[in-house]
Amino acid sequence: MSDKKPAREPIAEDARIDALEERLKAAREREDQRNQPQVKGTDANYRSGNRVLADLLGGILGGLVIGWSIDYFAGTSPWGLLVMLFVGIVVAFRNIIRAANTRPDDPE
């Protein structure tokens, strides 16, 4: 029984299969490179836009809240609100101008 040969010889690797595997590997690598984020500046621009918005809203709303509080407790309506609103706007614009003048690669 040990002298019997198998009915079929094992099939050797075909050159076409090897070529196909290489092409599939190259296609997967190209697809992985294409799916990686290419532009990293977009995230930085998005963050800086959100910072400008937060500075502007924070300055205005902070000035309003502090000015209203001064008016409520000191009885100086509407002057505390107007003065602190103006101060909040000035501070917000100062922060925006300072952020716009810094280089993107500078740590803050």
N, C-alpha and C. Protein backbone atom coordinates (compact mmCIF):
# COMPACT_ATOMS: atom_id res chain seq x y z
N MET A 1 0.80 -1.19 0.00
CA MET A 1 0.00 0.00 0.00
C MET A 1 0.85 1.26 0.00
N SER A 2 1.98 1.23 0.59
CA SER A 2 2.81 2.41 0.62
C SER A 2 3.45 2.70 -0.73
N ASP A 3 3.43 1.71 -1.66
CA ASP A 3 4.01 1.91 -2.98
C ASP A 3 3.07 2.64 -3.93
N LYS A 4 1.86 2.84 -3.54
CA LYS A 4 0.90 3.48 -4.43
C LYS A 4 1.16 4.98 -4.50
N LYS A 5 1.03 5.51 -5.69
CA LYS A 5 1.15 6.95 -5.89
C LYS A 5 -0.23 7.58 -5.75
N PRO A 6 -0.29 8.81 -5.31
CA PRO A 6 -1.60 9.45 -5.25
C PRO A 6 -2.19 9.58 -6.65
N ALA A 7 -3.50 9.65 -6.68
CA ALA A 7 -4.20 9.72 -7.97
C ALA A 7 -3.82 10.99 -8.72
N ARG A 8 -3.56 12.04 -7.99
CA ARG A 8 -3.20 13.30 -8.64
C ARG A 8 -1.91 13.82 -8.02
N GLU A 9 -1.12 14.44 -8.82
CA GLU A 9 0.08 15.10 -8.34
C GLU A 9 -0.32 16.45 -7.73
N PRO A 10 0.34 16.90 -6.69
CA PRO A 10 -0.02 18.22 -6.15
C PRO A 10 0.25 19.30 -7.20
N ILE A 11 -0.64 20.23 -7.25
CA ILE A 11 -0.54 21.29 -8.25
C ILE A 11 0.47 22.32 -7.75
N ALA A 12 1.43 22.62 -8.56
CA ALA A 12 2.43 23.63 -8.22
C ALA A 12 1.81 25.01 -8.39
N GLU A 13 2.42 25.99 -7.72
CA GLU A 13 1.93 27.35 -7.84
C GLU A 13 2.04 27.81 -9.28
N ASP A 14 1.00 28.43 -9.73
CA ASP A 14 0.97 28.93 -11.08
C ASP A 14 1.53 30.36 -11.09
N ALA A 15 2.25 30.71 -12.10
CA ALA A 15 2.82 32.05 -12.21
C ALA A 15 1.73 33.10 -12.29
N ARG A 16 0.60 32.74 -12.85
CA ARG A 16 -0.50 33.70 -12.94
C ARG A 16 -1.06 34.03 -11.56
N ILE A 17 -1.10 33.02 -10.68
CA ILE A 17 -1.60 33.26 -9.34
C ILE A 17 -0.64 34.18 -8.59
N ASP A 18 0.66 33.95 -8.74
CA ASP A 18 1.64 34.81 -8.11
C ASP A 18 1.51 36.26 -8.61
N ALA A 19 1.34 36.43 -9.89
CA ALA A 19 1.20 37.76 -10.47
C ALA A 19 -0.08 38.43 -9.96
N LEU A 20 -1.14 37.64 -9.86
CA LEU A 20 -2.40 38.18 -9.35
C LEU A 20 -2.26 38.60 -7.89
N GLU A 21 -1.57 37.81 -7.09
CA GLU A 21 -1.38 38.17 -5.69
C GLU A 21 -0.55 39.45 -5.56
N GLU A 22 0.46 39.60 -6.40
CA GLU A 22 1.26 40.82 -6.38
C GLU A 22 0.42 42.04 -6.78
N ARG A 23 -0.41 41.88 -7.79
CA ARG A 23 -1.27 42.98 -8.22
C ARG A 23 -2.28 43.34 -7.13
N LEU A 24 -2.84 42.34 -6.45
CA LEU A 24 -3.78 42.60 -5.36
C LEU A 24 -3.08 43.32 -4.21
N LYS A 25 -1.86 42.90 -3.90
CA LYS A 25 -1.10 43.55 -2.83
C LYS A 25 -0.82 45.02 -3.19
N ALA A 26 -0.43 45.27 -4.43
CA ALA A 26 -0.16 46.64 -4.87
C ALA A 26 -1.45 47.48 -4.84
N ALA A 27 -2.58 46.88 -5.24
CA ALA A 27 -3.85 47.60 -5.23
C ALA A 27 -4.28 47.93 -3.81
N ARG A 28 -4.05 47.01 -2.87
CA ARG A 28 -4.39 47.28 -1.46
C ARG A 28 -3.53 48.41 -0.90
N GLU A 29 -2.24 48.41 -1.24
CA GLU A 29 -1.36 49.47 -0.77
C GLU A 29 -1.78 50.83 -1.33
N ARG A 30 -2.15 50.87 -2.62
CA ARG A 30 -2.62 52.13 -3.21
C ARG A 30 -3.91 52.59 -2.55
N GLU A 31 -4.79 51.65 -2.25
CA GLU A 31 -6.06 51.99 -1.62
C GLU A 31 -5.83 52.51 -0.20
N ASP A 32 -4.90 51.89 0.53
CA ASP A 32 -4.59 52.36 1.87
C ASP A 32 -4.01 53.77 1.84
N GLN A 33 -3.14 54.05 0.87
CA GLN A 33 -2.57 55.39 0.75
C GLN A 33 -3.64 56.41 0.37
N ARG A 34 -4.58 56.01 -0.47
CA ARG A 34 -5.63 56.93 -0.89
C ARG A 34 -6.59 57.22 0.25
N ASN A 35 -6.80 56.25 1.16
CA ASN A 35 -7.74 56.44 2.25
C ASN A 35 -7.14 57.20 3.42
N GLN A 36 -5.82 57.37 3.46
CA GLN A 36 -5.20 58.15 4.52
C GLN A 36 -5.48 59.62 4.29
N PRO A 37 -5.66 60.38 5.38
CA PRO A 37 -5.89 61.82 5.21
C PRO A 37 -4.67 62.47 4.59
N GLN A 38 -4.87 63.15 3.48
CA GLN A 38 -3.78 63.76 2.75
C GLN A 38 -3.49 65.18 3.24
N VAL A 39 -4.53 65.92 3.55
CA VAL A 39 -4.36 67.33 3.92
C VAL A 39 -4.54 67.45 5.42
N LYS A 40 -3.47 67.82 6.10
CA LYS A 40 -3.55 67.97 7.54
C LYS A 40 -3.84 69.41 7.93
N GLY A 41 -3.73 70.35 7.00
CA GLY A 41 -4.00 71.74 7.29
C GLY A 41 -5.47 72.02 7.51
N THR A 42 -6.33 71.16 7.01
CA THR A 42 -7.76 71.36 7.16
C THR A 42 -8.16 71.33 8.63
N ASP A 43 -7.59 70.40 9.38
CA ASP A 43 -7.91 70.32 10.80
C ASP A 43 -7.44 71.57 11.54
N ALA A 44 -6.26 72.05 11.19
CA ALA A 44 -5.74 73.25 11.84
C ALA A 44 -6.62 74.46 11.51
N ASN A 45 -7.07 74.56 10.27
CA ASN A 45 -7.94 75.67 9.90
C ASN A 45 -9.28 75.59 10.62
N TYR A 46 -9.78 74.39 10.77
CA TYR A 46 -11.05 74.19 11.47
C TYR A 46 -10.91 74.60 12.94
N ARG A 47 -9.80 74.20 13.56
CA ARG A 47 -9.56 74.56 14.96
C ARG A 47 -9.40 76.07 15.12
N SER A 48 -8.67 76.70 14.20
CA SER A 48 -8.49 78.15 14.34
C SER A 48 -9.81 78.89 14.11
N GLY A 49 -10.65 78.40 13.22
CA GLY A 49 -11.97 79.01 13.03
C GLY A 49 -12.84 78.88 14.26
N ASN A 50 -12.78 77.71 14.89
CA ASN A 50 -13.55 77.52 16.12
C ASN A 50 -13.01 78.41 17.24
N ARG A 51 -11.70 78.61 17.27
CA ARG A 51 -11.12 79.47 18.29
C ARG A 51 -11.57 80.92 18.09
N VAL A 52 -11.57 81.38 16.86
CA VAL A 52 -12.02 82.75 16.58
C VAL A 52 -13.47 82.92 17.00
N LEU A 53 -14.30 81.95 16.67
CA LEU A 53 -15.71 82.02 17.05
C LEU A 53 -15.87 82.02 18.56
N ALA A 54 -15.12 81.17 19.25
CA ALA A 54 -15.22 81.12 20.71
C ALA A 54 -14.73 82.42 21.34
N ASP A 55 -13.64 82.98 20.80
CA ASP A 55 -13.15 84.26 21.34
C ASP A 55 -14.18 85.36 21.15
N LEU A 56 -14.78 85.42 19.98
CA LEU A 56 -15.75 86.47 19.70
C LEU A 56 -17.00 86.33 20.57
N LEU A 57 -17.54 85.12 20.61
CA LEU A 57 -18.75 84.92 21.43
C LEU A 57 -18.45 85.06 22.91
N GLY A 58 -17.30 84.55 23.34
CA GLY A 58 -16.95 84.66 24.76
C GLY A 58 -16.75 86.10 25.20
N GLY A 59 -16.11 86.91 24.35
CA GLY A 59 -15.92 88.32 24.70
C GLY A 59 -17.23 89.07 24.79
N ILE A 60 -18.08 88.85 23.82
CA ILE A 60 -19.37 89.57 23.80
C ILE A 60 -20.27 89.11 24.95
N LEU A 61 -20.42 87.79 25.09
CA LEU A 61 -21.30 87.28 26.15
C LEU A 61 -20.74 87.57 27.54
N GLY A 62 -19.40 87.46 27.68
CA GLY A 62 -18.80 87.79 28.97
C GLY A 62 -19.01 89.25 29.33
N GLY A 63 -18.83 90.13 28.35
CA GLY A 63 -19.07 91.55 28.60
C GLY A 63 -20.52 91.83 28.97
N LEU A 64 -21.43 91.15 28.29
CA LEU A 64 -22.85 91.34 28.61
C LEU A 64 -23.18 90.88 30.02
N VAL A 65 -22.71 89.72 30.40
CA VAL A 65 -23.03 89.18 31.73
C VAL A 65 -22.41 90.04 32.83
N ILE A 66 -21.15 90.40 32.65
CA ILE A 66 -20.49 91.21 33.68
C ILE A 66 -21.12 92.61 33.75
N GLY A 67 -21.42 93.19 32.59
CA GLY A 67 -22.06 94.51 32.57
C GLY A 67 -23.45 94.49 33.19
N TRP A 68 -24.21 93.46 32.91
CA TRP A 68 -25.55 93.35 33.50
C TRP A 68 -25.44 93.19 35.01
N SER A 69 -24.46 92.40 35.45
CA SER A 69 -24.27 92.20 36.90
C SER A 69 -23.91 93.52 37.58
N ILE A 70 -23.03 94.29 36.97
CA ILE A 70 -22.66 95.59 37.54
C ILE A 70 -23.88 96.50 37.60
N ASP A 71 -24.67 96.53 36.52
CA ASP A 71 -25.87 97.36 36.51
C ASP A 71 -26.87 96.91 37.57
N TYR A 72 -27.00 95.61 37.75
CA TYR A 72 -28.00 95.07 38.69
C TYR A 72 -27.64 95.44 40.12
N PHE A 73 -26.36 95.25 40.46
CA PHE A 73 -25.96 95.49 41.85
C PHE A 73 -25.62 96.96 42.14
N ALA A 74 -25.13 97.70 41.16
CA ALA A 74 -24.75 99.09 41.41
C ALA A 74 -25.84 100.08 41.01
N GLY A 75 -26.81 99.62 40.23
CA GLY A 75 -27.90 100.49 39.81
C GLY A 75 -27.47 101.53 38.80
N THR A 76 -26.53 101.20 37.95
CA THR A 76 -26.03 102.16 36.96
C THR A 76 -26.55 101.84 35.56
N SER A 77 -27.75 101.36 35.47
CA SER A 77 -28.31 100.92 34.19
C SER A 77 -28.33 102.07 33.20
N PRO A 78 -28.03 101.91 32.01
CA PRO A 78 -27.43 100.90 31.15
C PRO A 78 -25.93 101.05 30.96
N TRP A 79 -25.28 101.94 31.77
CA TRP A 79 -23.89 102.28 31.49
C TRP A 79 -22.92 101.14 31.78
N GLY A 80 -23.12 100.40 32.81
CA GLY A 80 -22.23 99.25 33.10
C GLY A 80 -22.30 98.22 31.98
N LEU A 81 -23.51 97.97 31.50
CA LEU A 81 -23.69 97.01 30.40
C LEU A 81 -22.99 97.49 29.14
N LEU A 82 -23.17 98.75 28.80
CA LEU A 82 -22.56 99.27 27.58
C LEU A 82 -21.04 99.30 27.66
N VAL A 83 -20.50 99.73 28.80
CA VAL A 83 -19.06 99.80 28.96
C VAL A 83 -18.45 98.41 28.91
N MET A 84 -19.03 97.47 29.65
CA MET A 84 -18.46 96.12 29.68
C MET A 84 -18.67 95.38 28.35
N LEU A 85 -19.74 95.69 27.65
CA LEU A 85 -19.91 95.11 26.31
C LEU A 85 -18.82 95.62 25.39
N PHE A 86 -18.52 96.90 25.46
CA PHE A 86 -17.44 97.47 24.65
C PHE A 86 -16.10 96.84 25.03
N VAL A 87 -15.84 96.70 26.31
CA VAL A 87 -14.58 96.08 26.76
C VAL A 87 -14.50 94.63 26.28
N GLY A 88 -15.60 93.89 26.34
CA GLY A 88 -15.63 92.50 25.88
C GLY A 88 -15.34 92.39 24.39
N ILE A 89 -15.89 93.32 23.59
CA ILE A 89 -15.64 93.31 22.15
C ILE A 89 -14.18 93.64 21.87
N VAL A 90 -13.61 94.61 22.58
CA VAL A 90 -12.21 94.96 22.39
C VAL A 90 -11.31 93.78 22.74
N VAL A 91 -11.58 93.12 23.84
CA VAL A 91 -10.78 91.95 24.24
C VAL A 91 -10.91 90.83 23.22
N ALA A 92 -12.11 90.60 22.72
CA ALA A 92 -12.32 89.54 21.72
C ALA A 92 -11.53 89.84 20.45
N PHE A 93 -11.60 91.06 19.97
CA PHE A 93 -10.85 91.41 18.76
C PHE A 93 -9.35 91.38 18.98
N ARG A 94 -8.90 91.76 20.18
CA ARG A 94 -7.48 91.67 20.49
C ARG A 94 -7.01 90.21 20.44
N ASN A 95 -7.80 89.30 20.99
CA ASN A 95 -7.45 87.88 20.95
C ASN A 95 -7.45 87.34 19.53
N ILE A 96 -8.40 87.77 18.72
CA ILE A 96 -8.48 87.30 17.33
C ILE A 96 -7.28 87.82 16.53
N ILE A 97 -6.94 89.08 16.72
CA ILE A 97 -5.79 89.64 16.00
C ILE A 97 -4.50 88.97 16.44
N ARG A 98 -4.37 88.72 17.73
CA ARG A 98 -3.17 88.04 18.23
C ARG A 98 -3.07 86.62 17.68
N ALA A 99 -4.19 85.91 17.59
CA ALA A 99 -4.17 84.55 17.04
C ALA A 99 -3.87 84.57 15.54
N ALA A 100 -4.34 85.60 14.85
CA ALA A 100 -4.09 85.69 13.41
C ALA A 100 -2.64 86.03 13.11
N ASN A 101 -1.95 86.69 14.01
CA ASN A 101 -0.57 87.08 13.77
C ASN A 101 0.45 86.03 14.19
N THR A 102 0.02 84.96 14.85
CA THR A 102 0.96 83.89 15.22
C THR A 102 1.12 82.93 14.06
N ARG A 103 2.31 82.35 13.97
CA ARG A 103 2.56 81.36 12.92
C ARG A 103 1.89 80.05 13.29
N PRO A 104 1.48 79.28 12.29
CA PRO A 104 0.78 78.02 12.59
C PRO A 104 1.64 77.00 13.33
N ASP A 105 2.97 77.04 13.14
CA ASP A 105 3.81 76.05 13.78
C ASP A 105 4.30 76.49 15.15
N ASP A 106 3.96 77.72 15.58
CA ASP A 106 4.36 78.20 16.90
C ASP A 106 3.47 77.59 17.97
N PRO A 107 4.06 77.06 19.05
CA PRO A 107 3.22 76.60 20.14
C PRO A 107 2.67 77.79 20.92
N GLU A 108 1.50 77.63 21.46
CA GLU A 108 0.86 78.74 22.18
C GLU A 108 0.87 78.50 23.66
